[in-house]
C-alpha atoms as a PDB file:
ATOM      1  CA  MET A   1       0.000   0.000   0.000  1.00  0.00           C
ATOM      2  CA  SER A   2       1.181   3.533  -0.687  1.00  0.00           C
ATOM      3  CA  ALA A   3       1.348   6.246   1.946  1.00  0.00           C
ATOM      4  CA  THR A   4      -1.621   8.016   0.353  1.00  0.00           C
ATOM      5  CA  GLN A   5      -4.053   5.109   0.492  1.00  0.00           C
ATOM      6  CA  HIS A   6      -6.167   4.937   3.633  1.00  0.00           C
ATOM      7  CA  THR A   7      -8.307   1.881   3.258  1.00  0.00           C
ATOM      8  CA  PRO A   8     -10.460   1.567   6.384  1.00  0.00           C
ATOM      9  CA  LEU A   9      -9.471  -1.608   8.167  1.00  0.00           C
ATOM     10  CA  THR A  10     -12.547  -2.394  10.171  1.00  0.00           C
ATOM     11  CA  GLN A  11     -12.552  -6.034  11.197  1.00  0.00           C
ATOM     12  CA  VAL A  12      -9.500  -8.110  12.104  1.00  0.00           C
ATOM     13  CA  ALA A  13      -9.138 -11.479  13.798  1.00  0.00           C
ATOM     14  CA  ALA A  14      -8.154 -11.574  17.458  1.00  0.00           C
ATOM     15  CA  TYR A  15      -8.278 -13.597  20.659  1.00  0.00           C
ATOM     16  CA  ALA A  16     -10.310 -11.972  23.409  1.00  0.00           C
ATOM     17  CA  ALA A  17     -11.635 -12.622  26.883  1.00  0.00           C
ATOM     18  CA  PRO A  18     -15.406 -12.052  26.538  1.00  0.00           C
ATOM     19  CA  ALA A  19     -15.885 -11.564  30.291  1.00  0.00           C
ATOM     20  CA  PRO A  20     -13.828 -11.537  33.509  1.00  0.00           C
ATOM     21  CA  LYS A  21     -12.084 -14.849  34.175  1.00  0.00           C
ATOM     22  CA  ALA A  22     -13.523 -16.318  30.960  1.00  0.00           C
ATOM     23  CA  PRO A  23     -11.275 -18.321  28.622  1.00  0.00           C
ATOM     24  CA  LEU A  24      -9.967 -16.413  25.633  1.00  0.00           C
ATOM     25  CA  GLU A  25     -11.663 -17.190  22.333  1.00  0.00           C
ATOM     26  CA  ARG A  26     -11.225 -16.294  18.693  1.00  0.00           C
ATOM     27  CA  THR A  27     -13.269 -13.307  17.552  1.00  0.00           C
ATOM     28  CA  THR A  28     -13.127 -10.243  15.332  1.00  0.00           C
ATOM     29  CA  ILE A  29     -12.559  -6.678  16.464  1.00  0.00           C
ATOM     30  CA  ALA A  30     -12.754  -3.260  14.836  1.00  0.00           C
ATOM     31  CA  ARG A  31      -9.585  -1.316  14.145  1.00  0.00           C
ATOM     32  CA  ARG A  32      -9.714   2.351  13.238  1.00  0.00           C
ATOM     33  CA  ALA A  33      -8.787   3.583   9.781  1.00  0.00           C
ATOM     34  CA  VAL A  34      -5.183   4.730   9.364  1.00  0.00           C
ATOM     35  CA  GLY A  35      -5.019   8.418  10.273  1.00  0.00           C
ATOM     36  CA  GLU A  36      -2.514  11.039   9.181  1.00  0.00           C
ATOM     37  CA  HIS A  37       0.128  10.075  11.757  1.00  0.00           C
ATOM     38  CA  ASP A  38      -0.771   6.404  12.155  1.00  0.00           C
ATOM     39  CA  VAL A  39       0.957   3.235  11.067  1.00  0.00           C
ATOM     40  CA  LEU A  40      -0.870   0.004  10.348  1.00  0.00           C
ATOM     41  CA  ILE A  41       1.159  -2.876  11.727  1.00  0.00           C
ATOM     42  CA  ASP A  42       0.898  -6.431  10.493  1.00  0.00           C
ATOM     43  CA  ILE A  43       1.544  -8.146  13.816  1.00  0.00           C
ATOM     44  CA  LYS A  44       3.866 -11.131  13.580  1.00  0.00           C
ATOM     45  CA  TYR A  45       4.391 -12.022  17.240  1.00  0.00           C
ATOM     46  CA  ALA A  46       2.776 -11.090  20.552  1.00  0.00           C
ATOM     47  CA  GLY A  47       4.295 -11.941  23.913  1.00  0.00           C
ATOM     48  CA  ILE A  48       2.224 -13.179  26.850  1.00  0.00           C
ATOM     49  CA  CYS A  49       2.896 -11.101  29.964  1.00  0.00           C
ATOM     50  CA  HIS A  50       1.720 -12.014  33.455  1.00  0.00           C
ATOM     51  CA  SER A  51      -0.057  -8.660  33.496  1.00  0.00           C
ATOM     52  CA  ASP A  52      -2.319  -9.998  30.733  1.00  0.00           C
ATOM     53  CA  ILE A  53      -3.531 -12.618  33.187  1.00  0.00           C
ATOM     54  CA  HIS A  54      -4.000 -10.063  35.974  1.00  0.00           C
ATOM     55  CA  GLN A  55      -6.146  -7.934  33.700  1.00  0.00           C
ATOM     56  CA  VAL A  56      -8.373 -10.594  32.098  1.00  0.00           C
ATOM     57  CA  THR A  57      -9.234 -11.756  35.631  1.00  0.00           C
ATOM     58  CA  ASP A  58      -9.891  -8.202  36.934  1.00  0.00           C
ATOM     59  CA  GLY A  59      -7.000  -8.731  39.333  1.00  0.00           C
ATOM     60  CA  TRP A  60      -5.939  -5.087  39.094  1.00  0.00           C
ATOM     61  CA  GLY A  61      -9.452  -3.651  38.958  1.00  0.00           C
ATOM     62  CA  GLU A  62     -12.511  -3.761  36.761  1.00  0.00           C
ATOM     63  CA  GLY A  63     -11.672  -4.387  33.116  1.00  0.00           C
ATOM     64  CA  ILE A  64     -13.239  -3.501  29.778  1.00  0.00           C
ATOM     65  CA  TYR A  65     -14.703  -6.449  27.863  1.00  0.00           C
ATOM     66  CA  PRO A  66     -14.325  -8.012  25.438  1.00  0.00           C
ATOM     67  CA  MET A  67     -10.613  -7.658  26.229  1.00  0.00           C
ATOM     68  CA  VAL A  68      -7.886  -8.410  23.695  1.00  0.00           C
ATOM     69  CA  PRO A  69      -4.666  -8.602  25.746  1.00  0.00           C
ATOM     70  CA  GLY A  70      -1.124  -8.167  24.503  1.00  0.00           C
ATOM     71  CA  HIS A  71       1.359  -5.318  24.880  1.00  0.00           C
ATOM     72  CA  GLU A  72       4.482  -7.060  23.612  1.00  0.00           C
ATOM     73  CA  ILE A  73       3.929  -6.534  19.907  1.00  0.00           C
ATOM     74  CA  ALA A  74       6.383  -7.056  17.046  1.00  0.00           C
ATOM     75  CA  GLY A  75       5.497  -6.752  13.403  1.00  0.00           C
ATOM     76  CA  VAL A  76       5.944  -5.041  10.077  1.00  0.00           C
ATOM     77  CA  VAL A  77       4.498  -1.747   8.851  1.00  0.00           C
ATOM     78  CA  ALA A  78       1.813  -2.436   6.231  1.00  0.00           C
ATOM     79  CA  GLU A  79       0.569   1.110   5.672  1.00  0.00           C
ATOM     80  CA  VAL A  80       1.457   4.631   6.807  1.00  0.00           C
ATOM     81  CA  GLY A  81      -0.589   7.797   7.095  1.00  0.00           C
ATOM     82  CA  ALA A  82       0.163  10.773   4.864  1.00  0.00           C
ATOM     83  CA  GLY A  83       1.924  12.677   7.645  1.00  0.00           C
ATOM     84  CA  VAL A  84       4.107   9.842   8.915  1.00  0.00           C
ATOM     85  CA  THR A  85       7.835  10.649   8.849  1.00  0.00           C
ATOM     86  CA  LYS A  86       9.383   8.037  11.153  1.00  0.00           C
ATOM     87  CA  PHE A  87       8.414   4.818   9.395  1.00  0.00           C
ATOM     88  CA  ALA A  88       7.846   3.351   5.955  1.00  0.00           C
ATOM     89  CA  VAL A  89       6.029   0.289   4.680  1.00  0.00           C
ATOM     90  CA  GLY A  90       8.149  -2.785   5.400  1.00  0.00           C
ATOM     91  CA  ASP A  91       9.831  -1.423   8.532  1.00  0.00           C
ATOM     92  CA  ARG A  92      10.173  -3.767  11.499  1.00  0.00           C
ATOM     93  CA  VAL A  93       8.433  -2.165  14.461  1.00  0.00           C
ATOM     94  CA  GLY A  94       7.175  -2.764  17.950  1.00  0.00           C
ATOM     95  CA  VAL A  95       4.482  -1.513  20.304  1.00  0.00           C
ATOM     96  CA  GLY A  96       4.689  -1.748  24.065  1.00  0.00           C
ATOM     97  CA  CYS A  97       2.378  -1.083  26.991  1.00  0.00           C
ATOM     98  CA  PHE A  98       0.816   2.191  25.874  1.00  0.00           C
ATOM     99  CA  VAL A  99      -0.329   3.782  22.636  1.00  0.00           C
ATOM    100  CA  ASP A 100      -0.903   7.404  23.653  1.00  0.00           C
ATOM    101  CA  SER A 101      -0.566   9.950  26.439  1.00  0.00           C
ATOM    102  CA  CYS A 102      -1.434  13.614  26.940  1.00  0.00           C
ATOM    103  CA  ARG A 103       1.789  14.734  25.193  1.00  0.00           C
ATOM    104  CA  SER A 104       1.880  18.034  27.088  1.00  0.00           C
ATOM    105  CA  CYS A 105       2.555  17.354  30.788  1.00  0.00           C
ATOM    106  CA  GLU A 106       6.055  17.645  32.230  1.00  0.00           C
ATOM    107  CA  TYR A 107       6.600  13.889  32.088  1.00  0.00           C
ATOM    108  CA  CYS A 108       5.450  13.466  28.495  1.00  0.00           C
ATOM    109  CA  LEU A 109       7.666  16.386  27.486  1.00  0.00           C
ATOM    110  CA  ARG A 110      10.528  14.720  29.363  1.00  0.00           C
ATOM    111  CA  GLY A 111      10.090  11.474  27.453  1.00  0.00           C
ATOM    112  CA  GLN A 112       8.593   9.699  30.464  1.00  0.00           C
ATOM    113  CA  GLU A 113       5.184   9.142  28.929  1.00  0.00           C
ATOM    114  CA  GLN A 114       4.564   6.143  31.167  1.00  0.00           C
ATOM    115  CA  TYR A 115       4.115   8.594  34.059  1.00  0.00           C
ATOM    116  CA  CYS A 116       1.760  10.926  32.153  1.00  0.00           C
ATOM    117  CA  VAL A 117      -0.178  13.118  34.615  1.00  0.00           C
ATOM    118  CA  GLN A 118      -3.453  12.388  32.832  1.00  0.00           C
ATOM    119  CA  GLY A 119      -2.551   8.721  32.545  1.00  0.00           C
ATOM    120  CA  MET A 120      -1.117   6.917  29.564  1.00  0.00           C
ATOM    121  CA  THR A 121      -3.498   5.121  27.221  1.00  0.00           C
ATOM    122  CA  GLY A 122      -2.906   1.407  27.630  1.00  0.00           C
ATOM    123  CA  THR A 123      -2.406  -0.719  24.543  1.00  0.00           C
ATOM    124  CA  TYR A 124      -5.430  -2.674  25.752  1.00  0.00           C
ATOM    125  CA  ASN A 125      -8.033  -2.469  28.512  1.00  0.00           C
ATOM    126  CA  ALA A 126      -8.203   1.298  28.158  1.00  0.00           C
ATOM    127  CA  LEU A 127     -10.271   3.923  26.391  1.00  0.00           C
ATOM    128  CA  ASP A 128      -8.708   5.761  23.484  1.00  0.00           C
ATOM    129  CA  LYS A 129      -9.250   9.483  22.921  1.00  0.00           C
ATOM    130  CA  ASP A 130     -12.247   8.704  20.729  1.00  0.00           C
ATOM    131  CA  GLY A 131     -13.834   6.876  23.653  1.00  0.00           C
ATOM    132  CA  GLN A 132     -13.436   3.469  22.046  1.00  0.00           C
ATOM    133  CA  PRO A 133     -11.724   0.574  23.870  1.00  0.00           C
ATOM    134  CA  THR A 134      -8.151  -0.220  22.940  1.00  0.00           C
ATOM    135  CA  TYR A 135      -7.389  -3.769  21.865  1.00  0.00           C
ATOM    136  CA  GLY A 136      -3.971  -5.332  22.172  1.00  0.00           C
ATOM    137  CA  GLY A 137      -1.596  -7.581  20.338  1.00  0.00           C
ATOM    138  CA  TYR A 138      -3.381 -10.922  20.353  1.00  0.00           C
ATOM    139  CA  SER A 139      -4.624  -9.940  16.897  1.00  0.00           C
ATOM    140  CA  THR A 140      -3.472  -9.831  13.310  1.00  0.00           C
ATOM    141  CA  HIS A 141      -3.185  -6.036  12.936  1.00  0.00           C
ATOM    142  CA  ILE A 142      -3.069  -2.871  15.012  1.00  0.00           C
ATOM    143  CA  VAL A 143      -3.166   0.840  14.169  1.00  0.00           C
ATOM    144  CA  VAL A 144      -0.859   3.011  16.296  1.00  0.00           C
ATOM    145  CA  ASP A 145       0.350   6.607  16.205  1.00  0.00           C
ATOM    146  CA  GLU A 146       3.907   6.733  14.867  1.00  0.00           C
ATOM    147  CA  ASN A 147       5.062   8.561  18.021  1.00  0.00           C
ATOM    148  CA  TYR A 148       4.152   5.549  20.143  1.00  0.00           C
ATOM    149  CA  THR A 149       5.803   3.022  17.842  1.00  0.00           C
ATOM    150  CA  VAL A 150       9.441   1.913  18.062  1.00  0.00           C
ATOM    151  CA  ARG A 151      11.852   0.460  15.551  1.00  0.00           C
ATOM    152  CA  ILE A 152      13.115  -3.096  16.031  1.00  0.00           C
ATOM    153  CA  PRO A 153      16.778  -3.297  14.963  1.00  0.00           C
ATOM    154  CA  ASP A 154      17.672  -5.768  12.245  1.00  0.00           C
ATOM    155  CA  GLY A 155      19.870  -7.728  14.652  1.00  0.00           C
ATOM    156  CA  LEU A 156      16.848  -8.911  16.649  1.00  0.00           C
ATOM    157  CA  GLY A 157      14.403 -11.547  15.476  1.00  0.00           C
ATOM    158  CA  LEU A 158      10.824 -10.343  15.765  1.00  0.00           C
ATOM    159  CA  ASP A 159       9.919 -13.367  17.883  1.00  0.00           C
ATOM    160  CA  VAL A 160      12.596 -12.779  20.535  1.00  0.00           C
ATOM    161  CA  ALA A 161      12.103  -9.008  20.347  1.00  0.00           C
ATOM    162  CA  ALA A 162       8.391  -9.041  21.168  1.00  0.00           C
ATOM    163  CA  PRO A 163       8.819  -9.635  24.934  1.00  0.00           C
ATOM    164  CA  LEU A 164      11.357  -6.824  25.119  1.00  0.00           C
ATOM    165  CA  LEU A 165       8.501  -4.350  24.620  1.00  0.00           C
ATOM    166  CA  CYS A 166       7.393  -5.025  28.196  1.00  0.00           C
ATOM    167  CA  ALA A 167       9.735  -7.453  29.954  1.00  0.00           C
ATOM    168  CA  GLY A 168      12.850  -5.862  28.467  1.00  0.00           C
ATOM    169  CA  ILE A 169      12.020  -2.231  29.187  1.00  0.00           C
ATOM    170  CA  THR A 170      10.529  -3.047  32.602  1.00  0.00           C
ATOM    171  CA  LEU A 171      13.974  -4.250  33.702  1.00  0.00           C
ATOM    172  CA  TYR A 172      16.163  -1.954  31.610  1.00  0.00           C
ATOM    173  CA  SER A 173      14.618   1.233  33.000  1.00  0.00           C
ATOM    174  CA  PRO A 174      15.287   0.623  36.726  1.00  0.00           C
ATOM    175  CA  LEU A 175      18.684  -0.932  36.053  1.00  0.00           C
ATOM    176  CA  ARG A 176      19.700   2.238  34.212  1.00  0.00           C
ATOM    177  CA  HIS A 177      18.024   4.602  36.687  1.00  0.00           C
ATOM    178  CA  TRP A 178      19.740   3.019  39.697  1.00  0.00           C
ATOM    179  CA  GLN A 179      22.998   2.839  37.740  1.00  0.00           C
ATOM    180  CA  ALA A 180      23.626  -0.872  37.559  1.00  0.00           C
ATOM    181  CA  GLY A 181      27.075  -1.347  36.099  1.00  0.00           C
ATOM    182  CA  PRO A 182      30.690  -2.246  36.868  1.00  0.00           C
ATOM    183  CA  GLY A 183      31.368  -2.380  40.589  1.00  0.00           C
ATOM    184  CA  LYS A 184      27.693  -2.777  41.492  1.00  0.00           C
ATOM    185  CA  LYS A 185      26.144  -5.875  43.035  1.00  0.00           C
ATOM    186  CA  VAL A 186      22.640  -6.427  41.702  1.00  0.00           C
ATOM    187  CA  ALA A 187      20.125  -9.070  42.720  1.00  0.00           C
ATOM    188  CA  ILE A 188      17.159 -10.083  40.593  1.00  0.00           C
ATOM    189  CA  VAL A 189      14.292 -11.654  42.552  1.00  0.00           C
ATOM    190  CA  GLY A 190      12.509 -14.253  40.459  1.00  0.00           C
ATOM    191  CA  LEU A 191      13.727 -15.920  37.269  1.00  0.00           C
ATOM    192  CA  GLY A 192      10.674 -15.710  35.062  1.00  0.00           C
ATOM    193  CA  GLY A 193       9.625 -13.684  32.044  1.00  0.00           C
ATOM    194  CA  LEU A 194      10.795 -10.443  33.622  1.00  0.00           C
ATOM    195  CA  GLY A 195      13.617 -11.777  35.737  1.00  0.00           C
ATOM    196  CA  HIS A 196      15.476 -13.592  32.979  1.00  0.00           C
ATOM    197  CA  MET A 197      15.713 -10.325  31.025  1.00  0.00           C
ATOM    198  CA  GLY A 198      16.882  -8.564  34.182  1.00  0.00           C
ATOM    199  CA  VAL A 199      19.749 -11.022  34.504  1.00  0.00           C
ATOM    200  CA  LYS A 200      20.736 -10.598  30.860  1.00  0.00           C
ATOM    201  CA  ILE A 201      20.580  -6.807  30.902  1.00  0.00           C
ATOM    202  CA  ALA A 202      22.273  -6.306  34.284  1.00  0.00           C
ATOM    203  CA  HIS A 203      25.097  -8.610  33.195  1.00  0.00           C
ATOM    204  CA  ALA A 204      25.471  -6.754  29.900  1.00  0.00           C
ATOM    205  CA  LEU A 205      25.644  -3.469  31.833  1.00  0.00           C
ATOM    206  CA  GLY A 206      28.629  -4.865  33.720  1.00  0.00           C
ATOM    207  CA  ALA A 207      27.091  -5.531  37.137  1.00  0.00           C
ATOM    208  CA  GLU A 208      27.755  -8.590  39.280  1.00  0.00           C
ATOM    209  CA  VAL A 209      24.401 -10.367  39.165  1.00  0.00           C
ATOM    210  CA  THR A 210      22.796 -12.675  41.702  1.00  0.00           C
ATOM    211  CA  VAL A 211      19.478 -14.475  41.223  1.00  0.00           C
ATOM    212  CA  LEU A 212      17.252 -14.890  44.253  1.00  0.00           C
ATOM    213  CA  SER A 213      14.676 -17.563  43.439  1.00  0.00           C
ATOM    214  CA  GLN A 214      12.397 -19.720  45.553  1.00  0.00           C
ATOM    215  CA  SER A 215      14.448 -22.817  44.799  1.00  0.00           C
ATOM    216  CA  LEU A 216      17.560 -23.852  42.913  1.00  0.00           C
ATOM    217  CA  ARG A 217      15.466 -25.472  40.157  1.00  0.00           C
ATOM    218  CA  LYS A 218      16.555 -22.950  37.515  1.00  0.00           C
ATOM    219  CA  LYS A 219      20.100 -22.394  38.752  1.00  0.00           C
ATOM    220  CA  GLU A 220      21.757 -23.755  35.634  1.00  0.00           C
ATOM    221  CA  ASP A 221      19.658 -21.440  33.473  1.00  0.00           C
ATOM    222  CA  GLY A 222      20.417 -18.428  35.641  1.00  0.00           C
ATOM    223  CA  LEU A 223      24.142 -18.932  35.402  1.00  0.00           C
ATOM    224  CA  LYS A 224      23.939 -19.374  31.625  1.00  0.00           C
ATOM    225  CA  LEU A 225      21.953 -16.153  31.319  1.00  0.00           C
ATOM    226  CA  GLY A 226      24.689 -14.173  33.055  1.00  0.00           C
ATOM    227  CA  ALA A 227      24.252 -14.533  36.804  1.00  0.00           C
ATOM    228  CA  ALA A 228      27.404 -14.962  38.853  1.00  0.00           C
ATOM    229  CA  HIS A 229      25.511 -16.381  41.840  1.00  0.00           C
ATOM    230  CA  TYR A 230      22.193 -18.104  42.479  1.00  0.00           C
ATOM    231  CA  TYR A 231      20.504 -18.543  45.859  1.00  0.00           C
ATOM    232  CA  ALA A 232      17.263 -20.116  47.064  1.00  0.00           C
ATOM    233  CA  THR A 233      15.009 -17.855  49.119  1.00  0.00           C
ATOM    234  CA  ASN A 234      13.298 -20.853  50.703  1.00  0.00           C
ATOM    235  CA  ASP A 235      16.566 -21.442  52.570  1.00  0.00           C
ATOM    236  CA  GLU A 236      16.801 -19.153  55.616  1.00  0.00           C
ATOM    237  CA  ARG A 237      20.590 -19.294  55.448  1.00  0.00           C
ATOM    238  CA  THR A 238      20.434 -17.247  52.241  1.00  0.00           C
ATOM    239  CA  PHE A 239      19.270 -14.191  54.159  1.00  0.00           C
ATOM    240  CA  GLU A 240      21.989 -14.646  56.776  1.00  0.00           C
ATOM    241  CA  GLU A 241      24.776 -15.243  54.273  1.00  0.00           C
ATOM    242  CA  LEU A 242      23.873 -12.342  51.974  1.00  0.00           C
ATOM    243  CA  ALA A 243      23.045  -9.718  54.616  1.00  0.00           C
ATOM    244  CA  GLY A 244      24.296  -6.270  53.576  1.00  0.00           C
ATOM    245  CA  THR A 245      25.468  -7.478  50.145  1.00  0.00           C
ATOM    246  CA  PHE A 246      23.583  -5.628  47.392  1.00  0.00           C
ATOM    247  CA  ASP A 247      23.525  -2.136  45.982  1.00  0.00           C
ATOM    248  CA  LEU A 248      20.296  -2.852  44.127  1.00  0.00           C
ATOM    249  CA  ILE A 249      17.620  -5.517  44.295  1.00  0.00           C
ATOM    250  CA  VAL A 250      14.936  -5.655  41.605  1.00  0.00           C
ATOM    251  CA  SER A 251      11.916  -7.777  42.447  1.00  0.00           C
ATOM    252  CA  THR A 252      10.009  -9.190  39.489  1.00  0.00           C
ATOM    253  CA  VAL A 253       7.589 -11.395  41.408  1.00  0.00           C
ATOM    254  CA  SER A 254       3.857 -10.772  41.381  1.00  0.00           C
ATOM    255  CA  ALA A 255       3.200 -12.268  44.811  1.00  0.00           C
ATOM    256  CA  PRO A 256       3.640 -10.435  48.121  1.00  0.00           C
ATOM    257  CA  LEU A 257       7.114 -10.789  49.646  1.00  0.00           C
ATOM    258  CA  ALA A 258       8.346 -10.453  53.217  1.00  0.00           C
ATOM    259  CA  LEU A 259      10.045  -7.154  52.430  1.00  0.00           C
ATOM    260  CA  ASP A 260      11.933  -6.803  55.694  1.00  0.00           C
ATOM    261  CA  GLY A 261      14.006  -9.882  54.953  1.00  0.00           C
ATOM    262  CA  TYR A 262      14.966  -8.627  51.507  1.00  0.00           C
ATOM    263  CA  LEU A 263      15.775  -5.149  52.803  1.00  0.00           C
ATOM    264  CA  GLY A 264      18.288  -6.788  55.127  1.00  0.00           C
ATOM    265  CA  LEU A 265      20.230  -7.876  52.027  1.00  0.00           C
ATOM    266  CA  LEU A 266      20.919  -4.267  51.000  1.00  0.00           C
ATOM    267  CA  LYS A 267      23.988  -2.206  51.713  1.00  0.00           C
ATOM    268  CA  VAL A 268      23.612   1.249  53.233  1.00  0.00           C
ATOM    269  CA  ASP A 269      21.915   3.451  50.605  1.00  0.00           C
ATOM    270  CA  GLY A 270      20.769   0.365  48.711  1.00  0.00           C
ATOM    271  CA  ALA A 271      17.473   0.240  46.850  1.00  0.00           C
ATOM    272  CA  PHE A 272      14.804  -2.434  46.627  1.00  0.00           C
ATOM    273  CA  VAL A 273      12.831  -1.795  43.451  1.00  0.00           C
ATOM    274  CA  ASN A 274       9.529  -3.456  42.660  1.00  0.00           C
ATOM    275  CA  VAL A 275       8.549  -4.105  39.060  1.00  0.00           C
ATOM    276  CA  GLY A 276       6.333  -7.083  39.823  1.00  0.00           C
ATOM    277  CA  ALA A 277       2.881  -5.942  40.913  1.00  0.00           C
ATOM    278  CA  PRO A 278       1.113  -8.182  43.451  1.00  0.00           C
ATOM    279  CA  GLU A 279      -2.660  -7.879  43.619  1.00  0.00           C
ATOM    280  CA  GLU A 280      -2.505  -7.721  47.435  1.00  0.00           C
ATOM    281  CA  PRO A 281      -0.905  -5.055  49.680  1.00  0.00           C
ATOM    282  CA  VAL A 282       2.410  -5.787  51.375  1.00  0.00           C
ATOM    283  CA  SER A 283       3.579  -4.849  54.855  1.00  0.00           C
ATOM    284  CA  LEU A 284       6.789  -3.163  55.899  1.00  0.00           C
ATOM    285  CA  ASN A 285       8.528  -2.426  59.186  1.00  0.00           C
ATOM    286  CA  LEU A 286       9.996   1.038  58.669  1.00  0.00           C
ATOM    287  CA  PHE A 287      13.013   0.199  60.821  1.00  0.00           C
ATOM    288  CA  SER A 288      14.074  -1.954  57.867  1.00  0.00           C
ATOM    289  CA  VAL A 289      14.716   1.190  55.824  1.00  0.00           C
ATOM    290  CA  ILE A 290      15.694   3.630  58.567  1.00  0.00           C
ATOM    291  CA  GLY A 291      18.626   1.510  59.709  1.00  0.00           C
ATOM    292  CA  GLY A 292      20.570   1.810  56.467  1.00  0.00           C
ATOM    293  CA  ARG A 293      19.070   4.801  54.643  1.00  0.00           C
ATOM    294  CA  LYS A 294      17.542   2.269  52.305  1.00  0.00           C
ATOM    295  CA  THR A 295      14.951   2.861  49.620  1.00  0.00           C
ATOM    296  CA  VAL A 296      11.847   0.905  48.728  1.00  0.00           C
ATOM    297  CA  ALA A 297      10.869   1.979  45.237  1.00  0.00           C
ATOM    298  CA  GLY A 298       8.922   1.021  42.165  1.00  0.00           C
ATOM    299  CA  SER A 299       9.430   1.384  38.445  1.00  0.00           C
ATOM    300  CA  MET A 300       6.984   1.111  35.562  1.00  0.00           C
ATOM    301  CA  ILE A 301       8.143   0.213  32.042  1.00  0.00           C
ATOM    302  CA  GLY A 302       9.831   3.156  30.275  1.00  0.00           C
ATOM    303  CA  GLY A 303       9.139   6.011  27.900  1.00  0.00           C
ATOM    304  CA  ILE A 304       9.236   5.715  24.130  1.00  0.00           C
ATOM    305  CA  ALA A 305      12.794   7.041  23.792  1.00  0.00           C
ATOM    306  CA  GLU A 306      14.093   4.753  26.542  1.00  0.00           C
ATOM    307  CA  THR A 307      12.295   1.790  24.989  1.00  0.00           C
ATOM    308  CA  GLN A 308      14.082   2.489  21.718  1.00  0.00           C
ATOM    309  CA  GLU A 309      17.360   2.820  23.629  1.00  0.00           C
ATOM    310  CA  MET A 310      16.684  -0.558  25.258  1.00  0.00           C
ATOM    311  CA  LEU A 311      16.014  -2.237  21.911  1.00  0.00           C
ATOM    312  CA  ASP A 312      19.214  -0.807  20.454  1.00  0.00           C
ATOM    313  CA  PHE A 313      21.143  -1.923  23.551  1.00  0.00           C
ATOM    314  CA  CYS A 314      19.727  -5.444  23.368  1.00  0.00           C
ATOM    315  CA  ALA A 315      20.483  -5.691  19.650  1.00  0.00           C
ATOM    316  CA  GLY A 316      24.027  -4.472  20.255  1.00  0.00           C
ATOM    317  CA  HIS A 317      24.582  -7.109  22.932  1.00  0.00           C
ATOM    318  CA  GLY A 318      22.711  -9.921  21.190  1.00  0.00           C
ATOM    319  CA  LEU A 319      20.026 -10.036  23.856  1.00  0.00           C
ATOM    320  CA  GLY A 320      16.619 -11.428  22.996  1.00  0.00           C
ATOM    321  CA  ALA A 321      14.071 -13.088  25.221  1.00  0.00           C
ATOM    322  CA  GLU A 322      14.150 -16.826  25.847  1.00  0.00           C
ATOM    323  CA  ILE A 323      10.863 -17.867  24.283  1.00  0.00           C
ATOM    324  CA  GLU A 324       8.441 -20.664  23.549  1.00  0.00           C
ATOM    325  CA  VAL A 325       6.414 -19.872  20.431  1.00  0.00           C
ATOM    326  CA  ILE A 326       2.821 -21.100  20.516  1.00  0.00           C
ATOM    327  CA  ALA A 327      -0.215 -21.122  18.261  1.00  0.00           C
ATOM    328  CA  ALA A 328      -3.004 -18.771  19.230  1.00  0.00           C
ATOM    329  CA  ASP A 329      -5.388 -21.577  20.144  1.00  0.00           C
ATOM    330  CA  ALA A 330      -2.969 -22.618  22.909  1.00  0.00           C
ATOM    331  CA  VAL A 331      -3.285 -19.307  24.756  1.00  0.00           C
ATOM    332  CA  ASN A 332      -5.523 -20.582  27.572  1.00  0.00           C
ATOM    333  CA  GLU A 333      -3.179 -23.488  28.233  1.00  0.00           C
ATOM    334  CA  ALA A 334      -0.274 -21.026  28.193  1.00  0.00           C
ATOM    335  CA  TYR A 335      -2.002 -18.908  30.848  1.00  0.00           C
ATOM    336  CA  GLU A 336      -2.269 -21.929  33.110  1.00  0.00           C
ATOM    337  CA  ARG A 337       1.383 -22.700  32.572  1.00  0.00           C
ATOM    338  CA  VAL A 338       2.378 -19.095  33.370  1.00  0.00           C
ATOM    339  CA  ARG A 339       0.435 -19.351  36.634  1.00  0.00           C
ATOM    340  CA  ALA A 340       2.372 -22.539  37.382  1.00  0.00           C
ATOM    341  CA  SER A 341       5.726 -20.924  36.425  1.00  0.00           C
ATOM    342  CA  ASP A 342       6.015 -23.567  33.721  1.00  0.00           C
ATOM    343  CA  VAL A 343       7.621 -21.549  30.931  1.00  0.00           C
ATOM    344  CA  ARG A 344      11.224 -20.772  30.104  1.00  0.00           C
ATOM    345  CA  TYR A 345      10.820 -17.925  29.866  1.00  0.00           C
ATOM    346  CA  ARG A 346       8.205 -16.154  27.763  1.00  0.00           C
ATOM    347  CA  PHE A 347       5.357 -17.470  25.676  1.00  0.00           C
ATOM    348  CA  VAL A 348       5.075 -15.729  22.313  1.00  0.00           C
ATOM    349  CA  ILE A 349       2.032 -16.117  20.087  1.00  0.00           C
ATOM    350  CA  ASP A 350       2.661 -16.631  16.388  1.00  0.00           C
ATOM    351  CA  THR A 351      -0.141 -14.370  15.224  1.00  0.00           C
ATOM    352  CA  SER A 352      -0.293 -16.002  11.790  1.00  0.00           C
ATOM    353  CA  THR A 353      -2.175 -18.762  13.623  1.00  0.00           C
ATOM    354  CA  ILE A 354      -5.013 -16.438  14.659  1.00  0.00           C
END
């Protein structure tokens, strides 16, 4: 298609949850026509994030149904609007966790659109500016503003790049912000879809990486991915042996943790950063932070510019996600396996099977 053709693309195939906690099923959804600054993306792969499961079950609040999950999107530009300057037909592109923001608040202007004062527009389970629900990447096509689209470098396969659009940036952003690098001791809590990218990225940044996992079941994997050390958190001796060790701990787990124990692993001025988002509140004894001027913090994905920086960094270091590619009709089974931590380390839907 040429840049001047704007054929309305109304109905595309997708997998959606018709109601809270309902199994996903094949359906069709409406996509808007390509506007002046939009790109139409032929989706090739869509990663399955644990947040997809939280949202289709209303775990983080009431959702919008039918819900088409998926915010780890990799594909190829099939059409561009007349005003598009950043992309051309045939470009390899990605879309992450949001597709718009207010564009005018201090955070949007700073390139931190994920912290938009008015709230970013989620790639799915959100309302777009026209009041219509957004639908995510478990579909064959998506229309996205060029300013919320990123370029996937040629050195990355689209399949292994898809999870970087959430899992990759979710770990890259805090590791950069808290200056993980040579001379720093970094612990990653949990070796799953997020955690395995944290190990890869922290190692590539030059930090000494330790995995803290419930058991030693994945130790061999962790060491191969770049960890120097691997400890089981179900062994109380771990917390005694590693007391006061780390400059930075990044927790990727989506279940509540006993924070005081983990805070004891930090050096003075160390930070414990949460990127996993449990559905339940957690408790904290403030003496755990007062005693060492420690920080309990959180981090949420990254802005568009930082996401592009992350993709370029991963391509430069040969870092893609460890994936298991599945057909779309296996998505419900994949959800059950994610809940059971039975994936190494990210399911990716081949959207040609939709």
